[in-house]
Amino acid sequence: MYKTLKLCGSIKSLKDLWWDLRPSPGFGTLEIRVCDGAATLAETLALVALIHTLAHWFADNGSWLESVAYPPYWLSRENKWRAIRYGLDAELVMNTEGKTKLMREDINEWIEKLNPYIKKLDYQNYFSTLQVIMDSGTSSERQRKVFAHYDCLKEIVKHNINEFLLQTPQYQCESVLT
């Protein structure tokens, strides 16, 4: 695919592919695009710690993937849409028989599985922040709350600036900036 897209002039390099996960062969890394959606450094670091911990778990448990059915493409797309639309409240489709599970529940099950790695990597602080996100809401949830309170997009901008400046999530709907 990459070769074809490059040959036909659609892209010049891998950087032109806007995937959720994008290989970066020059750095030997995998870019995970979700991390730029967090509002504060602490929330970003919590997501990075989750991803890093998952990488360690999968390095040690790679054969686990052989024991689970690979989902059809449409199911992955459906779950992505549900996650975008409903955030942590999404009901994820777990199989082609229609079984669903709340995303929060699925994440909590993974955190249980990851506990030994969290301790080994000394990531308890990051996972405490992740738990606050799970319990109190994401940046998008806070922004929707601000909009519901003020019915004004400018208030969302003010809210985001305030969170950035304070480097802490703001759960109250208060217009702090003028």
N, C-alpha and C. Protein backbone atom coordinates (compact mmCIF):
# COMPACT_ATOMS: atom_id res chain seq x y z
N MET A 1 0.82 -1.18 0.00
CA MET A 1 0.00 0.00 0.00
C MET A 1 0.87 1.25 0.00
N TYR A 2 1.85 1.28 0.91
CA TYR A 2 2.74 2.45 1.00
C TYR A 2 3.41 2.70 -0.35
N LYS A 3 3.94 1.63 -0.94
CA LYS A 3 4.64 1.76 -2.23
C LYS A 3 3.70 2.33 -3.29
N THR A 4 2.49 1.80 -3.37
CA THR A 4 1.52 2.26 -4.37
C THR A 4 1.15 3.73 -4.15
N LEU A 5 0.87 4.10 -2.91
CA LEU A 5 0.51 5.49 -2.61
C LEU A 5 1.66 6.44 -2.94
N LYS A 6 2.88 5.99 -2.72
CA LYS A 6 4.04 6.83 -3.03
C LYS A 6 4.22 6.95 -4.55
N LEU A 7 4.10 5.83 -5.25
CA LEU A 7 4.26 5.83 -6.71
C LEU A 7 3.22 6.70 -7.41
N CYS A 8 2.00 6.71 -6.90
CA CYS A 8 0.94 7.48 -7.57
C CYS A 8 0.90 8.94 -7.10
N GLY A 9 1.82 9.31 -6.20
CA GLY A 9 1.93 10.70 -5.77
C GLY A 9 0.97 11.10 -4.65
N SER A 10 0.27 10.13 -4.08
CA SER A 10 -0.65 10.47 -2.98
C SER A 10 0.10 10.89 -1.73
N ILE A 11 1.26 10.29 -1.51
CA ILE A 11 2.07 10.61 -0.34
C ILE A 11 3.54 10.71 -0.74
N LYS A 12 4.30 11.42 0.07
CA LYS A 12 5.74 11.52 -0.15
C LYS A 12 6.51 10.64 0.82
N SER A 13 5.95 10.43 2.02
CA SER A 13 6.61 9.60 3.02
C SER A 13 5.56 9.03 3.96
N LEU A 14 6.00 8.18 4.88
CA LEU A 14 5.09 7.62 5.88
C LEU A 14 4.43 8.71 6.72
N LYS A 15 5.08 9.86 6.85
CA LYS A 15 4.52 10.96 7.64
C LYS A 15 3.20 11.46 7.06
N ASP A 16 2.96 11.18 5.78
CA ASP A 16 1.73 11.63 5.14
C ASP A 16 0.54 10.71 5.41
N LEU A 17 0.78 9.60 6.08
CA LEU A 17 -0.30 8.68 6.45
C LEU A 17 -0.82 9.08 7.82
N TRP A 18 -2.09 9.38 7.91
CA TRP A 18 -2.70 9.82 9.17
C TRP A 18 -3.46 8.66 9.79
N TRP A 19 -2.71 7.72 10.31
CA TRP A 19 -3.29 6.55 10.95
C TRP A 19 -3.30 6.75 12.46
N ASP A 20 -4.14 5.97 13.13
CA ASP A 20 -4.14 5.99 14.60
C ASP A 20 -2.82 5.46 15.13
N LEU A 21 -2.30 4.45 14.47
CA LEU A 21 -0.99 3.87 14.77
C LEU A 21 -0.17 3.97 13.50
N ARG A 22 1.00 4.58 13.60
CA ARG A 22 1.80 4.76 12.39
C ARG A 22 3.24 4.37 12.69
N PRO A 23 3.79 3.43 11.90
CA PRO A 23 5.19 3.08 12.09
C PRO A 23 6.10 4.23 11.68
N SER A 24 7.18 4.37 12.39
CA SER A 24 8.19 5.36 12.05
C SER A 24 9.53 4.63 11.95
N PRO A 25 9.81 4.02 10.78
CA PRO A 25 11.01 3.20 10.63
C PRO A 25 12.30 3.95 10.92
N GLY A 26 12.35 5.24 10.63
CA GLY A 26 13.55 6.02 10.88
C GLY A 26 13.94 6.07 12.35
N PHE A 27 12.93 6.02 13.21
CA PHE A 27 13.17 6.05 14.66
C PHE A 27 12.99 4.68 15.30
N GLY A 28 12.48 3.71 14.52
CA GLY A 28 12.21 2.40 15.09
C GLY A 28 11.09 2.43 16.11
N THR A 29 10.11 3.30 15.87
CA THR A 29 9.02 3.47 16.84
C THR A 29 7.66 3.30 16.17
N LEU A 30 6.66 3.24 17.00
CA LEU A 30 5.28 3.22 16.57
C LEU A 30 4.62 4.45 17.16
N GLU A 31 4.13 5.34 16.31
CA GLU A 31 3.46 6.55 16.79
C GLU A 31 2.01 6.22 17.10
N ILE A 32 1.57 6.65 18.25
CA ILE A 32 0.19 6.42 18.67
C ILE A 32 -0.46 7.78 18.80
N ARG A 33 -1.42 8.04 17.94
CA ARG A 33 -1.94 9.39 17.74
C ARG A 33 -2.87 9.88 18.83
N VAL A 34 -3.39 9.00 19.67
CA VAL A 34 -4.40 9.40 20.66
C VAL A 34 -3.83 10.34 21.72
N CYS A 35 -2.54 10.31 21.94
CA CYS A 35 -1.95 11.07 23.05
C CYS A 35 -2.05 12.58 22.88
N ASP A 36 -2.30 13.06 21.68
CA ASP A 36 -2.41 14.51 21.51
C ASP A 36 -3.81 15.02 21.84
N GLY A 37 -4.69 14.15 22.33
CA GLY A 37 -6.04 14.56 22.70
C GLY A 37 -6.20 14.92 24.17
N ALA A 38 -5.17 14.69 24.96
CA ALA A 38 -5.26 14.99 26.39
C ALA A 38 -5.01 16.48 26.62
N ALA A 39 -5.65 17.02 27.65
CA ALA A 39 -5.57 18.47 27.90
C ALA A 39 -4.38 18.88 28.76
N THR A 40 -3.90 17.97 29.59
CA THR A 40 -2.81 18.33 30.51
C THR A 40 -1.65 17.37 30.33
N LEU A 41 -0.49 17.79 30.77
CA LEU A 41 0.69 16.92 30.69
C LEU A 41 0.48 15.66 31.53
N ALA A 42 -0.12 15.79 32.70
CA ALA A 42 -0.35 14.63 33.56
C ALA A 42 -1.24 13.60 32.87
N GLU A 43 -2.28 14.06 32.17
CA GLU A 43 -3.16 13.14 31.44
C GLU A 43 -2.43 12.49 30.28
N THR A 44 -1.59 13.27 29.59
CA THR A 44 -0.80 12.71 28.49
C THR A 44 0.15 11.65 29.02
N LEU A 45 0.83 11.94 30.12
CA LEU A 45 1.77 10.98 30.70
C LEU A 45 1.04 9.72 31.16
N ALA A 46 -0.18 9.85 31.64
CA ALA A 46 -0.96 8.68 32.05
C ALA A 46 -1.25 7.79 30.84
N LEU A 47 -1.61 8.40 29.71
CA LEU A 47 -1.86 7.63 28.49
C LEU A 47 -0.58 6.97 27.99
N VAL A 48 0.52 7.71 28.02
CA VAL A 48 1.81 7.16 27.58
C VAL A 48 2.19 5.98 28.48
N ALA A 49 1.99 6.12 29.79
CA ALA A 49 2.31 5.03 30.71
C ALA A 49 1.45 3.80 30.43
N LEU A 50 0.17 4.01 30.13
CA LEU A 50 -0.70 2.89 29.78
C LEU A 50 -0.18 2.18 28.54
N ILE A 51 0.14 2.93 27.51
CA ILE A 51 0.64 2.34 26.27
C ILE A 51 1.96 1.62 26.50
N HIS A 52 2.86 2.24 27.24
CA HIS A 52 4.16 1.63 27.52
C HIS A 52 4.00 0.34 28.32
N THR A 53 3.09 0.35 29.28
CA THR A 53 2.84 -0.84 30.10
C THR A 53 2.22 -1.94 29.25
N LEU A 54 1.29 -1.58 28.37
CA LEU A 54 0.72 -2.56 27.44
C LEU A 54 1.80 -3.17 26.55
N ALA A 55 2.73 -2.35 26.09
CA ALA A 55 3.83 -2.86 25.25
C ALA A 55 4.64 -3.91 26.02
N HIS A 56 4.93 -3.65 27.28
CA HIS A 56 5.66 -4.64 28.10
C HIS A 56 4.84 -5.92 28.26
N TRP A 57 3.54 -5.76 28.52
CA TRP A 57 2.69 -6.93 28.70
C TRP A 57 2.66 -7.77 27.43
N PHE A 58 2.47 -7.12 26.28
CA PHE A 58 2.41 -7.87 25.02
C PHE A 58 3.76 -8.47 24.65
N ALA A 59 4.85 -7.83 25.02
CA ALA A 59 6.17 -8.42 24.78
C ALA A 59 6.30 -9.75 25.53
N ASP A 60 5.74 -9.81 26.72
CA ASP A 60 5.80 -11.04 27.52
C ASP A 60 4.67 -12.02 27.22
N ASN A 61 3.60 -11.55 26.63
CA ASN A 61 2.40 -12.38 26.43
C ASN A 61 1.93 -12.37 24.98
N GLY A 62 2.86 -12.29 24.05
CA GLY A 62 2.51 -12.21 22.63
C GLY A 62 1.65 -13.35 22.15
N SER A 63 1.81 -14.53 22.74
CA SER A 63 1.02 -15.68 22.32
C SER A 63 -0.46 -15.52 22.67
N TRP A 64 -0.77 -14.58 23.56
CA TRP A 64 -2.17 -14.32 23.92
C TRP A 64 -2.99 -13.99 22.68
N LEU A 65 -2.38 -13.28 21.73
CA LEU A 65 -3.09 -12.89 20.52
C LEU A 65 -3.54 -14.11 19.71
N GLU A 66 -2.82 -15.22 19.85
CA GLU A 66 -3.19 -16.44 19.13
C GLU A 66 -4.45 -17.07 19.71
N SER A 67 -4.78 -16.73 20.95
CA SER A 67 -5.94 -17.34 21.61
C SER A 67 -7.23 -16.54 21.42
N VAL A 68 -7.14 -15.36 20.83
CA VAL A 68 -8.34 -14.55 20.62
C VAL A 68 -8.63 -14.43 19.13
N ALA A 69 -9.90 -14.41 18.79
CA ALA A 69 -10.29 -14.29 17.38
C ALA A 69 -9.98 -12.87 16.89
N TYR A 70 -9.38 -12.78 15.72
CA TYR A 70 -9.09 -11.48 15.13
C TYR A 70 -10.40 -10.88 14.65
N PRO A 71 -10.72 -9.66 15.09
CA PRO A 71 -12.02 -9.07 14.72
C PRO A 71 -12.06 -8.68 13.25
N PRO A 72 -13.23 -8.79 12.63
CA PRO A 72 -13.35 -8.30 11.25
C PRO A 72 -13.14 -6.78 11.22
N TYR A 73 -12.75 -6.30 10.06
CA TYR A 73 -12.45 -4.88 9.90
C TYR A 73 -13.63 -4.01 10.32
N TRP A 74 -14.84 -4.38 9.90
CA TRP A 74 -16.02 -3.56 10.22
C TRP A 74 -16.22 -3.43 11.71
N LEU A 75 -15.90 -4.50 12.48
CA LEU A 75 -16.09 -4.46 13.93
C LEU A 75 -15.11 -3.47 14.56
N SER A 76 -13.88 -3.48 14.09
CA SER A 76 -12.89 -2.51 14.59
C SER A 76 -13.34 -1.09 14.29
N ARG A 77 -13.84 -0.86 13.07
CA ARG A 77 -14.32 0.48 12.69
C ARG A 77 -15.52 0.89 13.56
N GLU A 78 -16.41 -0.05 13.81
CA GLU A 78 -17.58 0.23 14.65
C GLU A 78 -17.15 0.62 16.06
N ASN A 79 -16.20 -0.13 16.61
CA ASN A 79 -15.73 0.19 17.96
C ASN A 79 -15.00 1.53 18.00
N LYS A 80 -14.27 1.84 16.94
CA LYS A 80 -13.61 3.15 16.89
C LYS A 80 -14.67 4.26 16.88
N TRP A 81 -15.71 4.08 16.06
CA TRP A 81 -16.78 5.08 16.00
C TRP A 81 -17.44 5.22 17.37
N ARG A 82 -17.73 4.10 18.02
CA ARG A 82 -18.38 4.15 19.34
C ARG A 82 -17.49 4.87 20.35
N ALA A 83 -16.18 4.61 20.29
CA ALA A 83 -15.25 5.28 21.21
C ALA A 83 -15.21 6.78 20.94
N ILE A 84 -15.19 7.16 19.67
CA ILE A 84 -15.19 8.59 19.32
C ILE A 84 -16.49 9.25 19.78
N ARG A 85 -17.60 8.59 19.55
CA ARG A 85 -18.92 9.17 19.85
C ARG A 85 -19.23 9.19 21.35
N TYR A 86 -18.91 8.09 22.05
CA TYR A 86 -19.35 7.96 23.44
C TYR A 86 -18.20 8.00 24.45
N GLY A 87 -16.97 8.07 23.99
CA GLY A 87 -15.83 8.13 24.91
C GLY A 87 -15.76 6.91 25.80
N LEU A 88 -15.44 7.13 27.06
CA LEU A 88 -15.30 6.03 28.02
C LEU A 88 -16.62 5.33 28.30
N ASP A 89 -17.74 5.94 27.93
CA ASP A 89 -19.06 5.34 28.13
C ASP A 89 -19.47 4.43 26.97
N ALA A 90 -18.59 4.25 26.00
CA ALA A 90 -18.91 3.43 24.83
C ALA A 90 -19.13 1.97 25.23
N GLU A 91 -20.08 1.34 24.55
CA GLU A 91 -20.24 -0.11 24.64
C GLU A 91 -19.50 -0.69 23.45
N LEU A 92 -18.40 -1.39 23.72
CA LEU A 92 -17.61 -1.98 22.66
C LEU A 92 -18.20 -3.32 22.25
N VAL A 93 -18.20 -3.60 20.95
CA VAL A 93 -18.66 -4.89 20.44
C VAL A 93 -17.49 -5.86 20.56
N MET A 94 -17.69 -6.92 21.33
CA MET A 94 -16.59 -7.83 21.66
C MET A 94 -16.44 -8.98 20.67
N ASN A 95 -17.52 -9.31 19.94
CA ASN A 95 -17.44 -10.42 18.99
C ASN A 95 -18.56 -10.29 17.96
N THR A 96 -18.56 -11.18 16.98
CA THR A 96 -19.56 -11.11 15.91
C THR A 96 -20.92 -11.63 16.36
N GLU A 97 -21.02 -12.15 17.58
CA GLU A 97 -22.31 -12.56 18.13
C GLU A 97 -23.02 -11.39 18.80
N GLY A 98 -22.39 -10.22 18.83
CA GLY A 98 -23.02 -9.02 19.37
C GLY A 98 -22.81 -8.78 20.85
N LYS A 99 -21.93 -9.55 21.48
CA LYS A 99 -21.64 -9.32 22.91
C LYS A 99 -20.96 -7.95 23.04
N THR A 100 -21.39 -7.17 24.03
CA THR A 100 -20.79 -5.86 24.25
C THR A 100 -20.22 -5.77 25.66
N LYS A 101 -19.34 -4.79 25.83
CA LYS A 101 -18.74 -4.52 27.14
C LYS A 101 -18.45 -3.03 27.21
N LEU A 102 -18.73 -2.44 28.36
CA LEU A 102 -18.43 -1.02 28.53
C LEU A 102 -16.92 -0.80 28.45
N MET A 103 -16.53 0.25 27.76
CA MET A 103 -15.11 0.55 27.62
C MET A 103 -14.44 0.70 28.99
N ARG A 104 -15.10 1.39 29.91
CA ARG A 104 -14.52 1.56 31.25
C ARG A 104 -14.23 0.21 31.90
N GLU A 105 -15.17 -0.72 31.75
CA GLU A 105 -15.00 -2.06 32.31
C GLU A 105 -13.81 -2.77 31.65
N ASP A 106 -13.72 -2.66 30.34
CA ASP A 106 -12.62 -3.30 29.61
C ASP A 106 -11.27 -2.71 30.04
N ILE A 107 -11.21 -1.40 30.16
CA ILE A 107 -9.97 -0.76 30.59
C ILE A 107 -9.61 -1.20 32.01
N ASN A 108 -10.59 -1.25 32.90
CA ASN A 108 -10.32 -1.68 34.27
C ASN A 108 -9.81 -3.12 34.32
N GLU A 109 -10.35 -3.99 33.46
CA GLU A 109 -9.85 -5.37 33.39
C GLU A 109 -8.40 -5.40 32.92
N TRP A 110 -8.08 -4.56 31.95
CA TRP A 110 -6.70 -4.50 31.48
C TRP A 110 -5.77 -3.96 32.57
N ILE A 111 -6.22 -2.98 33.30
CA ILE A 111 -5.38 -2.43 34.39
C ILE A 111 -5.09 -3.52 35.41
N GLU A 112 -6.08 -4.35 35.73
CA GLU A 112 -5.85 -5.48 36.64
C GLU A 112 -4.75 -6.40 36.09
N LYS A 113 -4.86 -6.72 34.79
CA LYS A 113 -3.86 -7.58 34.14
C LYS A 113 -2.47 -6.95 34.17
N LEU A 114 -2.44 -5.63 34.07
CA LEU A 114 -1.17 -4.91 33.98
C LEU A 114 -0.53 -4.61 35.33
N ASN A 115 -1.23 -4.86 36.42
CA ASN A 115 -0.74 -4.49 37.75
C ASN A 115 0.71 -4.86 38.03
N PRO A 116 1.16 -6.09 37.74
CA PRO A 116 2.57 -6.41 38.00
C PRO A 116 3.53 -5.52 37.20
N TYR A 117 3.14 -5.15 36.00
CA TYR A 117 3.98 -4.29 35.15
C TYR A 117 3.96 -2.85 35.65
N ILE A 118 2.81 -2.42 36.13
CA ILE A 118 2.70 -1.07 36.70
C ILE A 118 3.67 -0.92 37.86
N LYS A 119 3.71 -1.94 38.71
CA LYS A 119 4.63 -1.91 39.86
C LYS A 119 6.08 -1.99 39.40
N LYS A 120 6.36 -2.90 38.46
CA LYS A 120 7.73 -3.08 37.96
C LYS A 120 8.27 -1.81 37.33
N LEU A 121 7.42 -1.10 36.60
CA LEU A 121 7.83 0.14 35.92
C LEU A 121 7.72 1.36 36.83
N ASP A 122 7.20 1.17 38.02
CA ASP A 122 7.00 2.25 38.99
C ASP A 122 6.08 3.33 38.41
N TYR A 123 4.96 2.88 37.84
CA TYR A 123 4.01 3.76 37.17
C TYR A 123 2.73 3.98 37.99
N GLN A 124 2.75 3.67 39.28
CA GLN A 124 1.55 3.81 40.10
C GLN A 124 0.98 5.23 40.02
N ASN A 125 1.84 6.23 40.04
CA ASN A 125 1.39 7.62 40.00
C ASN A 125 0.63 7.92 38.69
N TYR A 126 1.17 7.43 37.58
CA TYR A 126 0.52 7.65 36.29
C TYR A 126 -0.84 6.94 36.24
N PHE A 127 -0.89 5.74 36.79
CA PHE A 127 -2.15 5.00 36.77
C PHE A 127 -3.16 5.58 37.76
N SER A 128 -2.68 6.28 38.78
CA SER A 128 -3.60 7.03 39.66
C SER A 128 -4.28 8.13 38.85
N THR A 129 -3.50 8.82 38.02
CA THR A 129 -4.08 9.85 37.14
C THR A 129 -5.06 9.22 36.16
N LEU A 130 -4.70 8.06 35.62
CA LEU A 130 -5.60 7.36 34.70
C LEU A 130 -6.91 7.01 35.41
N GLN A 131 -6.83 6.62 36.67
CA GLN A 131 -8.04 6.30 37.42
C GLN A 131 -8.91 7.54 37.63
N VAL A 132 -8.28 8.69 37.85
CA VAL A 132 -9.03 9.95 37.96
C VAL A 132 -9.77 10.22 36.65
N ILE A 133 -9.10 10.01 35.53
CA ILE A 133 -9.74 10.20 34.22
C ILE A 133 -10.93 9.26 34.10
N MET A 134 -10.73 7.99 34.49
CA MET A 134 -11.81 7.00 34.40
C MET A 134 -13.00 7.40 35.29
N ASP A 135 -12.71 7.92 36.47
CA ASP A 135 -13.76 8.26 37.43
C ASP A 135 -14.41 9.61 37.16
N SER A 136 -13.60 10.59 36.75
CA SER A 136 -14.09 11.98 36.66
C SER A 136 -14.32 12.47 35.25
N GLY A 137 -13.75 11.80 34.27
CA GLY A 137 -14.01 12.18 32.88
C GLY A 137 -12.80 12.68 32.13
N THR A 138 -12.92 12.60 30.82
CA THR A 138 -11.87 13.03 29.90
C THR A 138 -12.01 14.52 29.59
N SER A 139 -11.04 15.04 28.87
CA SER A 139 -11.09 16.44 28.44
C SER A 139 -12.35 16.71 27.61
N SER A 140 -12.69 15.80 26.72
CA SER A 140 -13.88 16.03 25.88
C SER A 140 -15.15 16.05 26.73
N GLU A 141 -15.21 15.22 27.77
CA GLU A 141 -16.38 15.24 28.66
C GLU A 141 -16.46 16.58 29.40
N ARG A 142 -15.31 17.07 29.85
CA ARG A 142 -15.29 18.36 30.55
C ARG A 142 -15.72 19.48 29.60
N GLN A 143 -15.26 19.42 28.35
CA GLN A 143 -15.62 20.46 27.38
C GLN A 143 -17.12 20.43 27.07
N ARG A 144 -17.68 19.24 26.95
CA ARG A 144 -19.13 19.15 26.71
C ARG A 144 -19.92 19.71 27.89
N LYS A 145 -19.41 19.47 29.09
CA LYS A 145 -20.06 20.00 30.29
C LYS A 145 -20.04 21.54 30.28
N VAL A 146 -18.90 22.11 29.89
CA VAL A 146 -18.79 23.57 29.80
C VAL A 146 -19.77 24.10 28.76
N PHE A 147 -19.85 23.44 27.61
CA PHE A 147 -20.78 23.90 26.58
C PHE A 147 -22.23 23.79 27.05
N ALA A 148 -22.55 22.69 27.72
CA ALA A 148 -23.92 22.53 28.23
C ALA A 148 -24.27 23.62 29.24
N HIS A 149 -23.28 24.05 30.01
CA HIS A 149 -23.50 25.09 31.03
C HIS A 149 -23.62 26.48 30.41
N TYR A 150 -22.74 26.81 29.47
CA TYR A 150 -22.68 28.18 28.92
C TYR A 150 -23.31 28.33 27.54
N ASP A 151 -23.45 27.23 26.79
CA ASP A 151 -23.94 27.28 25.41
C ASP A 151 -23.12 28.27 24.58
N CYS A 152 -21.79 28.21 24.76
CA CYS A 152 -20.91 29.18 24.11
C CYS A 152 -19.55 28.53 23.84
N LEU A 153 -19.17 28.49 22.56
CA LEU A 153 -17.88 27.89 22.20
C LEU A 153 -16.69 28.65 22.78
N LYS A 154 -16.83 29.97 22.94
CA LYS A 154 -15.74 30.76 23.52
C LYS A 154 -15.42 30.29 24.94
N GLU A 155 -16.43 29.85 25.67
CA GLU A 155 -16.21 29.36 27.03
C GLU A 155 -15.39 28.07 27.03
N ILE A 156 -15.57 27.25 25.99
CA ILE A 156 -14.76 26.04 25.88
C ILE A 156 -13.31 26.41 25.65
N VAL A 157 -13.07 27.39 24.79
CA VAL A 157 -11.70 27.86 24.55
C VAL A 157 -11.09 28.38 25.85
N LYS A 158 -11.85 29.18 26.58
CA LYS A 158 -11.36 29.70 27.87
C LYS A 158 -11.05 28.56 28.84
N HIS A 159 -11.94 27.60 28.87
CA HIS A 159 -11.75 26.43 29.73
C HIS A 159 -10.45 25.69 29.37
N ASN A 160 -10.24 25.46 28.08
CA ASN A 160 -9.04 24.75 27.63
C ASN A 160 -7.77 25.53 27.96
N ILE A 161 -7.81 26.83 27.77
CA ILE A 161 -6.65 27.68 28.11
C ILE A 161 -6.38 27.59 29.61
N ASN A 162 -7.44 27.65 30.39
CA ASN A 162 -7.30 27.58 31.84
C ASN A 162 -6.68 26.25 32.27
N GLU A 163 -7.15 25.15 31.70
CA GLU A 163 -6.57 23.85 32.04
C GLU A 163 -5.10 23.78 31.65
N PHE A 164 -4.78 24.33 30.48
CA PHE A 164 -3.39 24.32 30.03
C PHE A 164 -2.51 25.14 30.96
N LEU A 165 -2.97 26.33 31.32
CA LEU A 165 -2.17 27.20 32.19
C LEU A 165 -1.99 26.60 33.59
N LEU A 166 -3.05 26.02 34.12
CA LEU A 166 -3.00 25.44 35.46
C LEU A 166 -2.40 24.03 35.46
N GLN A 167 -2.36 23.41 34.28
CA GLN A 167 -1.90 22.03 34.12
C GLN A 167 -2.63 21.06 35.06
N THR A 168 -3.91 21.31 35.20
CA THR A 168 -4.75 20.41 35.98
C THR A 168 -6.17 20.45 35.42
N PRO A 169 -6.82 19.30 35.34
CA PRO A 169 -8.19 19.30 34.84
C PRO A 169 -9.11 20.14 35.71
N GLN A 170 -10.02 20.86 35.07
CA GLN A 170 -10.98 21.71 35.76
C GLN A 170 -12.36 21.08 35.58
N TYR A 171 -12.90 20.57 36.67
CA TYR A 171 -14.18 19.87 36.61
C TYR A 171 -15.37 20.77 36.88
N GLN A 172 -15.12 21.99 37.34
CA GLN A 172 -16.20 22.94 37.60
C GLN A 172 -16.39 23.82 36.37
N CYS A 173 -17.60 24.22 36.11
CA CYS A 173 -17.91 25.11 34.98
C CYS A 173 -17.83 26.55 35.45
N GLU A 174 -16.64 27.07 35.50
CA GLU A 174 -16.45 28.45 35.92
C GLU A 174 -15.65 29.19 34.85
N SER A 175 -16.16 30.31 34.43
CA SER A 175 -15.44 31.13 33.47
C SER A 175 -14.38 31.93 34.23
N VAL A 176 -13.13 31.53 34.08
CA VAL A 176 -12.05 32.14 34.85
C VAL A 176 -11.36 33.25 34.06
N LEU A 177 -11.28 33.06 32.77
CA LEU A 177 -10.58 34.04 31.93
C LEU A 177 -11.57 35.01 31.32
N THR A 178 -11.10 36.20 31.00
CA THR A 178 -12.00 37.18 30.36
C THR A 178 -11.61 37.38 28.92
